[in-house]
Amino acid sequence: MQIAINFEQTYPPTFIAEDLTEMKFNALQSDGNVQQIFVKISKHPDPLLPDVYNLGFGPPIIMVVLRTMLICIIQT
């Protein structure tokens, strides 16, 4: 998979959390369809890395699966 970031082509948000840690936007796909993308920003939990943040993004269903996997890993 190749990902290209083009700061000249941006998408307006459809949702932004008050604390700016979550947002959603609709992205045009190469096949012409529109896909909702979810973005989540959180502080990294390691106290030795105080200024590090986690950034996750993708379709909402993938974000739910990743969040569930992360919770399972942390609890074990």
PDB file of N, CA and C in Angstrom:
ATOM      1  N   MET A   1       0.834  -1.171   0.000  1.00  0.00           N
ATOM      2  CA  MET A   1       0.000   0.000   0.000  1.00  0.00           C
ATOM      3  C   MET A   1       0.878   1.234   0.000  1.00  0.00           C
ATOM      4  N   GLN A   2       0.546   2.171  -0.837  1.00  0.00           N
ATOM      5  CA  GLN A   2       1.282   3.425  -0.889  1.00  0.00           C
ATOM      6  C   GLN A   2       0.358   4.560  -0.464  1.00  0.00           C
ATOM      7  N   ILE A   3       0.824   5.375   0.450  1.00  0.00           N
ATOM      8  CA  ILE A   3       0.036   6.501   0.945  1.00  0.00           C
ATOM      9  C   ILE A   3       0.769   7.782   0.593  1.00  0.00           C
ATOM     10  N   ALA A   4       0.056   8.695  -0.042  1.00  0.00           N
ATOM     11  CA  ALA A   4       0.624  10.001  -0.379  1.00  0.00           C
ATOM     12  C   ALA A   4      -0.147  11.077   0.380  1.00  0.00           C
ATOM     13  N   ILE A   5       0.561  11.990   0.986  1.00  0.00           N
ATOM     14  CA  ILE A   5      -0.069  13.100   1.699  1.00  0.00           C
ATOM     15  C   ILE A   5       0.068  14.347   0.840  1.00  0.00           C
ATOM     16  N   ASN A   6      -1.079  14.934   0.522  1.00  0.00           N
ATOM     17  CA  ASN A   6      -1.120  16.132  -0.312  1.00  0.00           C
ATOM     18  C   ASN A   6      -1.795  17.235   0.509  1.00  0.00           C
ATOM     19  N   PHE A   7      -1.010  18.189   1.010  1.00  0.00           N
ATOM     20  CA  PHE A   7      -1.561  19.249   1.842  1.00  0.00           C
ATOM     21  C   PHE A   7      -2.330  20.300   1.034  1.00  0.00           C
ATOM     22  N   GLU A   8      -2.287  20.184  -0.283  1.00  0.00           N
ATOM     23  CA  GLU A   8      -3.068  21.073  -1.139  1.00  0.00           C
ATOM     24  C   GLU A   8      -4.497  20.545  -1.328  1.00  0.00           C
ATOM     25  N   GLN A   9      -4.693  19.257  -1.101  1.00  0.00           N
ATOM     26  CA  GLN A   9      -6.013  18.642  -1.245  1.00  0.00           C
ATOM     27  C   GLN A   9      -6.480  18.209   0.139  1.00  0.00           C
ATOM     28  N   THR A  10      -7.352  18.990   0.727  1.00  0.00           N
ATOM     29  CA  THR A  10      -7.844  18.691   2.070  1.00  0.00           C
ATOM     30  C   THR A  10      -9.356  18.524   2.041  1.00  0.00           C
ATOM     31  N   TYR A  11      -9.891  17.948   3.106  1.00  0.00           N
ATOM     32  CA  TYR A  11     -11.320  17.700   3.206  1.00  0.00           C
ATOM     33  C   TYR A  11     -11.870  18.407   4.434  1.00  0.00           C
ATOM     34  N   PRO A  12     -13.013  19.057   4.313  1.00  0.00           N
ATOM     35  CA  PRO A  12     -13.581  19.727   5.491  1.00  0.00           C
ATOM     36  C   PRO A  12     -14.089  18.688   6.492  1.00  0.00           C
ATOM     37  N   PRO A  13     -13.925  18.942   7.772  1.00  0.00           N
ATOM     38  CA  PRO A  13     -14.403  17.989   8.780  1.00  0.00           C
ATOM     39  C   PRO A  13     -15.932  17.957   8.825  1.00  0.00           C
ATOM     40  N   THR A  14     -16.468  16.779   9.114  1.00  0.00           N
ATOM     41  CA  THR A  14     -17.905  16.640   9.332  1.00  0.00           C
ATOM     42  C   THR A  14     -18.218  16.578  10.821  1.00  0.00           C
ATOM     43  N   PHE A  15     -17.175  16.356  11.631  1.00  0.00           N
ATOM     44  CA  PHE A  15     -17.313  16.331  13.083  1.00  0.00           C
ATOM     45  C   PHE A  15     -15.952  16.634  13.694  1.00  0.00           C
ATOM     46  N   ILE A  16     -15.948  17.476  14.738  1.00  0.00           N
ATOM     47  CA  ILE A  16     -14.736  17.737  15.523  1.00  0.00           C
ATOM     48  C   ILE A  16     -15.136  17.726  16.991  1.00  0.00           C
ATOM     49  N   ALA A  17     -14.457  16.905  17.795  1.00  0.00           N
ATOM     50  CA  ALA A  17     -14.728  16.854  19.236  1.00  0.00           C
ATOM     51  C   ALA A  17     -14.309  18.171  19.881  1.00  0.00           C
ATOM     52  N   GLU A  18     -14.987  18.533  20.948  1.00  0.00           N
ATOM     53  CA  GLU A  18     -14.676  19.792  21.634  1.00  0.00           C
ATOM     54  C   GLU A  18     -13.229  19.863  22.092  1.00  0.00           C
ATOM     55  N   ASP A  19     -12.685  18.724  22.537  1.00  0.00           N
ATOM     56  CA  ASP A  19     -11.305  18.716  23.032  1.00  0.00           C
ATOM     57  C   ASP A  19     -10.281  18.480  21.911  1.00  0.00           C
ATOM     58  N   LEU A  20     -10.750  18.448  20.667  1.00  0.00           N
ATOM     59  CA  LEU A  20      -9.919  18.308  19.466  1.00  0.00           C
ATOM     60  C   LEU A  20      -9.173  16.974  19.380  1.00  0.00           C
ATOM     61  N   THR A  21      -9.642  15.946  20.068  1.00  0.00           N
ATOM     62  CA  THR A  21      -8.970  14.649  20.026  1.00  0.00           C
ATOM     63  C   THR A  21      -9.589  13.703  19.000  1.00  0.00           C
ATOM     64  N   GLU A  22     -10.752  14.049  18.451  1.00  0.00           N
ATOM     65  CA  GLU A  22     -11.402  13.205  17.454  1.00  0.00           C
ATOM     66  C   GLU A  22     -11.997  14.078  16.359  1.00  0.00           C
ATOM     67  N   MET A  23     -12.000  13.543  15.159  1.00  0.00           N
ATOM     68  CA  MET A  23     -12.679  14.219  14.055  1.00  0.00           C
ATOM     69  C   MET A  23     -13.068  13.195  13.009  1.00  0.00           C
ATOM     70  N   LYS A  24     -13.991  13.578  12.148  1.00  0.00           N
ATOM     71  CA  LYS A  24     -14.400  12.750  11.021  1.00  0.00           C
ATOM     72  C   LYS A  24     -14.456  13.627   9.782  1.00  0.00           C
ATOM     73  N   PHE A  25     -14.173  13.001   8.635  1.00  0.00           N
ATOM     74  CA  PHE A  25     -14.331  13.692   7.358  1.00  0.00           C
ATOM     75  C   PHE A  25     -14.627  12.665   6.287  1.00  0.00           C
ATOM     76  N   ASN A  26     -15.168  13.109   5.179  1.00  0.00           N
ATOM     77  CA  ASN A  26     -15.479  12.232   4.053  1.00  0.00           C
ATOM     78  C   ASN A  26     -14.397  12.398   3.002  1.00  0.00           C
ATOM     79  N   ALA A  27     -13.792  11.281   2.586  1.00  0.00           N
ATOM     80  CA  ALA A  27     -12.692  11.307   1.621  1.00  0.00           C
ATOM     81  C   ALA A  27     -13.109  10.612   0.331  1.00  0.00           C
ATOM     82  N   LEU A  28     -12.838  11.264  -0.777  1.00  0.00           N
ATOM     83  CA  LEU A  28     -13.112  10.679  -2.086  1.00  0.00           C
ATOM     84  C   LEU A  28     -12.088   9.581  -2.374  1.00  0.00           C
ATOM     85  N   GLN A  29     -12.558   8.390  -2.732  1.00  0.00           N
ATOM     86  CA  GLN A  29     -11.693   7.255  -3.016  1.00  0.00           C
ATOM     87  C   GLN A  29     -11.372   7.199  -4.507  1.00  0.00           C
ATOM     88  N   SER A  30     -10.370   6.423  -4.860  1.00  0.00           N
ATOM     89  CA  SER A  30      -9.937   6.343  -6.262  1.00  0.00           C
ATOM     90  C   SER A  30     -11.021   5.763  -7.169  1.00  0.00           C
ATOM     91  N   ASP A  31     -11.956   4.987  -6.604  1.00  0.00           N
ATOM     92  CA  ASP A  31     -13.040   4.424  -7.420  1.00  0.00           C
ATOM     93  C   ASP A  31     -14.247   5.354  -7.530  1.00  0.00           C
ATOM     94  N   GLY A  32     -14.135   6.552  -6.949  1.00  0.00           N
ATOM     95  CA  GLY A  32     -15.213   7.533  -7.026  1.00  0.00           C
ATOM     96  C   GLY A  32     -16.159   7.515  -5.840  1.00  0.00           C
ATOM     97  N   ASN A  33     -16.081   6.501  -4.996  1.00  0.00           N
ATOM     98  CA  ASN A  33     -16.923   6.445  -3.801  1.00  0.00           C
ATOM     99  C   ASN A  33     -16.396   7.386  -2.733  1.00  0.00           C
ATOM    100  N   VAL A  34     -17.242   7.688  -1.772  1.00  0.00           N
ATOM    101  CA  VAL A  34     -16.857   8.518  -0.635  1.00  0.00           C
ATOM    102  C   VAL A  34     -16.791   7.621   0.599  1.00  0.00           C
ATOM    103  N   GLN A  35     -15.716   7.737   1.360  1.00  0.00           N
ATOM    104  CA  GLN A  35     -15.528   6.931   2.570  1.00  0.00           C
ATOM    105  C   GLN A  35     -15.354   7.855   3.759  1.00  0.00           C
ATOM    106  N   GLN A  36     -16.129   7.620   4.809  1.00  0.00           N
ATOM    107  CA  GLN A  36     -15.945   8.395   6.029  1.00  0.00           C
ATOM    108  C   GLN A  36     -14.663   7.935   6.718  1.00  0.00           C
ATOM    109  N   ILE A  37     -13.836   8.887   7.135  1.00  0.00           N
ATOM    110  CA  ILE A  37     -12.578   8.599   7.826  1.00  0.00           C
ATOM    111  C   ILE A  37     -12.663   9.176   9.237  1.00  0.00           C
ATOM    112  N   PHE A  38     -12.230   8.398  10.201  1.00  0.00           N
ATOM    113  CA  PHE A  38     -12.238   8.788  11.601  1.00  0.00           C
ATOM    114  C   PHE A  38     -10.796   9.013  12.043  1.00  0.00           C
ATOM    115  N   VAL A  39     -10.537  10.106  12.744  1.00  0.00           N
ATOM    116  CA  VAL A  39      -9.197  10.434  13.243  1.00  0.00           C
ATOM    117  C   VAL A  39      -9.264  10.528  14.764  1.00  0.00           C
ATOM    118  N   LYS A  40      -8.313   9.896  15.437  1.00  0.00           N
ATOM    119  CA  LYS A  40      -8.253   9.920  16.896  1.00  0.00           C
ATOM    120  C   LYS A  40      -6.836  10.260  17.326  1.00  0.00           C
ATOM    121  N   ILE A  41      -6.700  11.239  18.214  1.00  0.00           N
ATOM    122  CA  ILE A  41      -5.404  11.650  18.763  1.00  0.00           C
ATOM    123  C   ILE A  41      -5.461  11.438  20.269  1.00  0.00           C
ATOM    124  N   SER A  42      -4.452  10.747  20.807  1.00  0.00           N
ATOM    125  CA  SER A  42      -4.406  10.528  22.255  1.00  0.00           C
ATOM    126  C   SER A  42      -2.967  10.631  22.729  1.00  0.00           C
ATOM    127  N   LYS A  43      -2.809  10.964  24.013  1.00  0.00           N
ATOM    128  CA  LYS A  43      -1.469  11.024  24.597  1.00  0.00           C
ATOM    129  C   LYS A  43      -0.915   9.616  24.732  1.00  0.00           C
ATOM    130  N   HIS A  44       0.359   9.451  24.457  1.00  0.00           N
ATOM    131  CA  HIS A  44       1.016   8.158  24.641  1.00  0.00           C
ATOM    132  C   HIS A  44       1.112   7.897  26.145  1.00  0.00           C
ATOM    133  N   PRO A  45       0.779   6.691  26.602  1.00  0.00           N
ATOM    134  CA  PRO A  45       0.706   6.442  28.052  1.00  0.00           C
ATOM    135  C   PRO A  45       2.044   6.313  28.779  1.00  0.00           C
ATOM    136  N   ASP A  46       3.149   6.232  28.073  1.00  0.00           N
ATOM    137  CA  ASP A  46       4.447   6.028  28.728  1.00  0.00           C
ATOM    138  C   ASP A  46       4.920   7.332  29.382  1.00  0.00           C
ATOM    139  N   PRO A  47       5.127   7.364  30.706  1.00  0.00           N
ATOM    140  CA  PRO A  47       5.566   8.593  31.380  1.00  0.00           C
ATOM    141  C   PRO A  47       6.964   9.052  30.950  1.00  0.00           C
ATOM    142  N   LEU A  48       7.747   8.164  30.342  1.00  0.00           N
ATOM    143  CA  LEU A  48       9.080   8.553  29.865  1.00  0.00           C
ATOM    144  C   LEU A  48       9.008   9.284  28.519  1.00  0.00           C
ATOM    145  N   LEU A  49       7.832   9.323  27.918  1.00  0.00           N
ATOM    146  CA  LEU A  49       7.615  10.016  26.645  1.00  0.00           C
ATOM    147  C   LEU A  49       6.482  11.037  26.822  1.00  0.00           C
ATOM    148  N   PRO A  50       6.718  12.099  27.589  1.00  0.00           N
ATOM    149  CA  PRO A  50       5.630  13.014  27.950  1.00  0.00           C
ATOM    150  C   PRO A  50       5.044  13.830  26.793  1.00  0.00           C
ATOM    151  N   ASP A  51       5.786  14.052  25.743  1.00  0.00           N
ATOM    152  CA  ASP A  51       5.297  14.879  24.628  1.00  0.00           C
ATOM    153  C   ASP A  51       5.009  14.057  23.375  1.00  0.00           C
ATOM    154  N   VAL A  52       4.676  12.778  23.555  1.00  0.00           N
ATOM    155  CA  VAL A  52       4.398  11.897  22.424  1.00  0.00           C
ATOM    156  C   VAL A  52       2.899  11.626  22.365  1.00  0.00           C
ATOM    157  N   TYR A  53       2.361  11.664  21.149  1.00  0.00           N
ATOM    158  CA  TYR A  53       0.936  11.426  20.947  1.00  0.00           C
ATOM    159  C   TYR A  53       0.736  10.279  19.955  1.00  0.00           C
ATOM    160  N   ASN A  54      -0.354   9.551  20.131  1.00  0.00           N
ATOM    161  CA  ASN A  54      -0.751   8.503  19.193  1.00  0.00           C
ATOM    162  C   ASN A  54      -1.747   9.099  18.206  1.00  0.00           C
ATOM    163  N   LEU A  55      -1.605   8.762  16.947  1.00  0.00           N
ATOM    164  CA  LEU A  55      -2.528   9.212  15.916  1.00  0.00           C
ATOM    165  C   LEU A  55      -3.045   7.989  15.183  1.00  0.00           C
ATOM    166  N   GLY A  56      -4.343   7.814  15.195  1.00  0.00           N
ATOM    167  CA  GLY A  56      -4.963   6.715  14.477  1.00  0.00           C
ATOM    168  C   GLY A  56      -5.988   7.274  13.508  1.00  0.00           C
ATOM    169  N   PHE A  57      -6.094   6.672  12.333  1.00  0.00           N
ATOM    170  CA  PHE A  57      -7.121   7.114  11.397  1.00  0.00           C
ATOM    171  C   PHE A  57      -7.493   5.979  10.474  1.00  0.00           C
ATOM    172  N   GLY A  58      -8.703   6.041   9.988  1.00  0.00           N
ATOM    173  CA  GLY A  58      -9.208   5.020   9.085  1.00  0.00           C
ATOM    174  C   GLY A  58     -10.721   5.004   9.098  1.00  0.00           C
ATOM    175  N   PRO A  59     -11.314   4.092   8.347  1.00  0.00           N
ATOM    176  CA  PRO A  59     -12.776   3.962   8.390  1.00  0.00           C
ATOM    177  C   PRO A  59     -13.216   3.622   9.810  1.00  0.00           C
ATOM    178  N   PRO A  60     -14.369   4.110  10.254  1.00  0.00           N
ATOM    179  CA  PRO A  60     -14.800   3.898  11.648  1.00  0.00           C
ATOM    180  C   PRO A  60     -14.801   2.436  12.092  1.00  0.00           C
ATOM    181  N   ILE A  61     -15.164   1.497  11.258  1.00  0.00           N
ATOM    182  CA  ILE A  61     -15.199   0.095  11.679  1.00  0.00           C
ATOM    183  C   ILE A  61     -13.801  -0.408  12.016  1.00  0.00           C
ATOM    184  N   ILE A  62     -12.798   0.015  11.296  1.00  0.00           N
ATOM    185  CA  ILE A  62     -11.416  -0.384  11.594  1.00  0.00           C
ATOM    186  C   ILE A  62     -10.965   0.229  12.911  1.00  0.00           C
ATOM    187  N   MET A  63     -11.358   1.459  13.173  1.00  0.00           N
ATOM    188  CA  MET A  63     -10.962   2.117  14.417  1.00  0.00           C
ATOM    189  C   MET A  63     -11.554   1.399  15.620  1.00  0.00           C
ATOM    190  N   VAL A  64     -12.783   0.889  15.520  1.00  0.00           N
ATOM    191  CA  VAL A  64     -13.400   0.143  16.620  1.00  0.00           C
ATOM    192  C   VAL A  64     -12.624  -1.143  16.874  1.00  0.00           C
ATOM    193  N   VAL A  65     -12.240  -1.849  15.824  1.00  0.00           N
ATOM    194  CA  VAL A  65     -11.466  -3.086  15.962  1.00  0.00           C
ATOM    195  C   VAL A  65     -10.115  -2.786  16.592  1.00  0.00           C
ATOM    196  N   LEU A  66      -9.421  -1.759  16.134  1.00  0.00           N
ATOM    197  CA  LEU A  66      -8.106  -1.409  16.685  1.00  0.00           C
ATOM    198  C   LEU A  66      -8.214  -1.005  18.148  1.00  0.00           C
ATOM    199  N   ARG A  67      -9.235  -0.238  18.498  1.00  0.00           N
ATOM    200  CA  ARG A  67      -9.416   0.187  19.887  1.00  0.00           C
ATOM    201  C   ARG A  67      -9.668  -1.030  20.773  1.00  0.00           C
ATOM    202  N   THR A  68     -10.488  -1.974  20.311  1.00  0.00           N
ATOM    203  CA  THR A  68     -10.770  -3.193  21.069  1.00  0.00           C
ATOM    204  C   THR A  68      -9.497  -4.007  21.251  1.00  0.00           C
ATOM    205  N   MET A  69      -8.690  -4.129  20.207  1.00  0.00           N
ATOM    206  CA  MET A  69      -7.433  -4.875  20.305  1.00  0.00           C
ATOM    207  C   MET A  69      -6.497  -4.208  21.301  1.00  0.00           C
ATOM    208  N   LEU A  70      -6.408  -2.881  21.276  1.00  0.00           N
ATOM    209  CA  LEU A  70      -5.536  -2.149  22.189  1.00  0.00           C
ATOM    210  C   LEU A  70      -5.983  -2.347  23.634  1.00  0.00           C
ATOM    211  N   ILE A  71      -7.281  -2.312  23.885  1.00  0.00           N
ATOM    212  CA  ILE A  71      -7.792  -2.528  25.240  1.00  0.00           C
ATOM    213  C   ILE A  71      -7.433  -3.930  25.711  1.00  0.00           C
ATOM    214  N   CYS A  72      -7.568  -4.919  24.845  1.00  0.00           N
ATOM    215  CA  CYS A  72      -7.223  -6.300  25.206  1.00  0.00           C
ATOM    216  C   CYS A  72      -5.736  -6.426  25.532  1.00  0.00           C
ATOM    217  N   ILE A  73      -4.892  -5.771  24.775  1.00  0.00           N
ATOM    218  CA  ILE A  73      -3.441  -5.836  25.001  1.00  0.00           C
ATOM    219  C   ILE A  73      -3.087  -5.178  26.323  1.00  0.00           C
ATOM    220  N   ILE A  74      -3.684  -4.039  26.613  1.00  0.00           N
ATOM    221  CA  ILE A  74      -3.379  -3.303  27.861  1.00  0.00           C
ATOM    222  C   ILE A  74      -3.835  -4.101  29.074  1.00  0.00           C
ATOM    223  N   GLN A  75      -4.969  -4.786  28.970  1.00  0.00           N
ATOM    224  CA  GLN A  75      -5.510  -5.516  30.118  1.00  0.00           C
ATOM    225  C   GLN A  75      -4.761  -6.798  30.398  1.00  0.00           C
ATOM    226  N   THR A  76      -4.003  -7.338  29.451  1.00  0.00           N
ATOM    227  CA  THR A  76      -3.308  -8.606  29.701  1.00  0.00           C
ATOM    228  C   THR A  76      -1.936  -8.381  30.289  1.00  0.00           C
TER     229      THR A  76
END
